[in-house]
Amino acid sequence: MLDREKAPMGLFLSLVEPTKPMIAEAAAGIYDTGYGKFPKLQIVTIAELFAGKRPQIPFGHTEGFKKAAKEKDAQQGKLL
């Protein structure tokens, strides 16, 4: 999944407890950001989220986000 999407990390949110094959698949390795090491693929259930568990994500990680196109506006920068 990570290779197909060309993603450095992934999070699988589940309603039910993961099966043994799911856990084995999630053992995809470690992603080293240079600021810390994080699991490449994590499985978190909804129940765990409600219990306060949070996925391990690097602070300030933005590689997976696309930048929005800049909008050109004739009024931009002018005061009313």
C-alpha atoms as a PDB file:
ATOM      1  CA  MET A   1       0.000   0.000   0.000  1.00  0.00           C
ATOM      2  CA  LEU A   2       2.705   2.501   0.927  1.00  0.00           C
ATOM      3  CA  ASP A   3       4.715   1.734  -2.211  1.00  0.00           C
ATOM      4  CA  ARG A   4       1.659   2.012  -4.458  1.00  0.00           C
ATOM      5  CA  GLU A   5       0.726   5.409  -3.020  1.00  0.00           C
ATOM      6  CA  LYS A   6       4.377   6.513  -2.832  1.00  0.00           C
ATOM      7  CA  ALA A   7       3.752   7.446   0.800  1.00  0.00           C
ATOM      8  CA  PRO A   8       6.468   7.531   3.462  1.00  0.00           C
ATOM      9  CA  MET A   9       3.949   6.635   6.205  1.00  0.00           C
ATOM     10  CA  GLY A  10       0.401   5.353   6.537  1.00  0.00           C
ATOM     11  CA  LEU A  11      -2.402   5.172   9.085  1.00  0.00           C
ATOM     12  CA  PHE A  12      -5.167   2.574   8.976  1.00  0.00           C
ATOM     13  CA  LEU A  13      -8.183   3.549  11.070  1.00  0.00           C
ATOM     14  CA  SER A  14     -10.350   0.543  11.927  1.00  0.00           C
ATOM     15  CA  LEU A  15     -13.693  -0.076  13.607  1.00  0.00           C
ATOM     16  CA  VAL A  16     -12.577  -3.525  14.788  1.00  0.00           C
ATOM     17  CA  GLU A  17      -9.437  -4.999  16.329  1.00  0.00           C
ATOM     18  CA  PRO A  18      -6.805  -5.812  13.693  1.00  0.00           C
ATOM     19  CA  THR A  19      -6.261  -9.454  12.745  1.00  0.00           C
ATOM     20  CA  LYS A  20      -2.854 -11.151  13.008  1.00  0.00           C
ATOM     21  CA  PRO A  21      -2.299 -10.833   9.218  1.00  0.00           C
ATOM     22  CA  MET A  22      -3.131  -7.103   9.439  1.00  0.00           C
ATOM     23  CA  ILE A  23      -0.620  -6.649  12.261  1.00  0.00           C
ATOM     24  CA  ALA A  24       2.020  -8.562  10.277  1.00  0.00           C
ATOM     25  CA  GLU A  25       1.361  -6.359   7.216  1.00  0.00           C
ATOM     26  CA  ALA A  26       1.628  -3.225   9.366  1.00  0.00           C
ATOM     27  CA  ALA A  27       5.149  -4.221  10.412  1.00  0.00           C
ATOM     28  CA  ALA A  28       6.367  -2.335   7.317  1.00  0.00           C
ATOM     29  CA  GLY A  29       9.424  -0.908   9.006  1.00  0.00           C
ATOM     30  CA  ILE A  30      10.496   2.416  10.415  1.00  0.00           C
ATOM     31  CA  TYR A  31      10.418   5.870   8.814  1.00  0.00           C
ATOM     32  CA  ASP A  32      13.419   7.983   9.893  1.00  0.00           C
ATOM     33  CA  THR A  33      12.707  11.710   9.582  1.00  0.00           C
ATOM     34  CA  GLY A  34      16.063  12.837  10.879  1.00  0.00           C
ATOM     35  CA  TYR A  35      14.192  14.215  13.920  1.00  0.00           C
ATOM     36  CA  GLY A  36      12.922  10.849  15.081  1.00  0.00           C
ATOM     37  CA  LYS A  37      11.881   7.374  14.005  1.00  0.00           C
ATOM     38  CA  PHE A  38       8.240   6.421  13.476  1.00  0.00           C
ATOM     39  CA  PRO A  39       6.408   3.254  12.373  1.00  0.00           C
ATOM     40  CA  LYS A  40       5.799   3.357   8.597  1.00  0.00           C
ATOM     41  CA  LEU A  41       2.308   1.883   8.962  1.00  0.00           C
ATOM     42  CA  GLN A  42       0.108   2.129  12.035  1.00  0.00           C
ATOM     43  CA  ILE A  43      -3.264   0.567  12.814  1.00  0.00           C
ATOM     44  CA  VAL A  44      -5.456   2.446  15.281  1.00  0.00           C
ATOM     45  CA  THR A  45      -9.015   1.484  16.199  1.00  0.00           C
ATOM     46  CA  ILE A  46     -11.809   3.958  16.850  1.00  0.00           C
ATOM     47  CA  ALA A  47     -12.039   2.622  20.415  1.00  0.00           C
ATOM     48  CA  GLU A  48      -8.339   3.386  20.927  1.00  0.00           C
ATOM     49  CA  LEU A  49      -8.838   6.932  19.628  1.00  0.00           C
ATOM     50  CA  PHE A  50     -11.712   7.491  22.070  1.00  0.00           C
ATOM     51  CA  ALA A  51      -9.512   6.081  24.846  1.00  0.00           C
ATOM     52  CA  GLY A  52      -6.902   8.740  24.065  1.00  0.00           C
ATOM     53  CA  LYS A  53      -4.389   6.821  21.934  1.00  0.00           C
ATOM     54  CA  ARG A  54      -2.886   8.934  19.171  1.00  0.00           C
ATOM     55  CA  PRO A  55      -0.861   7.794  16.180  1.00  0.00           C
ATOM     56  CA  GLN A  56       2.840   8.539  16.213  1.00  0.00           C
ATOM     57  CA  ILE A  57       3.369  11.217  13.589  1.00  0.00           C
ATOM     58  CA  PRO A  58       6.369  13.483  13.131  1.00  0.00           C
ATOM     59  CA  PHE A  59       5.692  17.037  14.234  1.00  0.00           C
ATOM     60  CA  GLY A  60       5.542  19.357  11.239  1.00  0.00           C
ATOM     61  CA  HIS A  61       5.517  16.500   8.709  1.00  0.00           C
ATOM     62  CA  THR A  62       4.152  17.918   5.440  1.00  0.00           C
ATOM     63  CA  GLU A  63       5.514  15.600   2.718  1.00  0.00           C
ATOM     64  CA  GLY A  64       2.106  14.022   2.114  1.00  0.00           C
ATOM     65  CA  PHE A  65       0.293  17.320   1.612  1.00  0.00           C
ATOM     66  CA  LYS A  66      -0.033  18.970  -1.769  1.00  0.00           C
ATOM     67  CA  LYS A  67       0.331  22.738  -1.933  1.00  0.00           C
ATOM     68  CA  ALA A  68      -2.681  24.665  -3.133  1.00  0.00           C
ATOM     69  CA  ALA A  69      -2.344  26.590  -6.361  1.00  0.00           C
ATOM     70  CA  LYS A  70      -1.920  30.324  -5.871  1.00  0.00           C
ATOM     71  CA  GLU A  71      -4.900  32.349  -6.913  1.00  0.00           C
ATOM     72  CA  LYS A  72      -4.274  35.443  -9.014  1.00  0.00           C
ATOM     73  CA  ASP A  73      -6.584  38.247  -8.013  1.00  0.00           C
ATOM     74  CA  ALA A  74      -6.491  41.808  -9.314  1.00  0.00           C
ATOM     75  CA  GLN A  75      -7.757  43.074  -5.938  1.00  0.00           C
ATOM     76  CA  GLN A  76      -5.173  41.168  -3.933  1.00  0.00           C
ATOM     77  CA  GLY A  77      -2.967  43.478  -1.902  1.00  0.00           C
ATOM     78  CA  LYS A  78      -5.163  46.553  -2.364  1.00  0.00           C
ATOM     79  CA  LEU A  79      -6.835  48.243   0.556  1.00  0.00           C
ATOM     80  CA  LEU A  80     -10.541  49.005   0.319  1.00  0.00           C
END
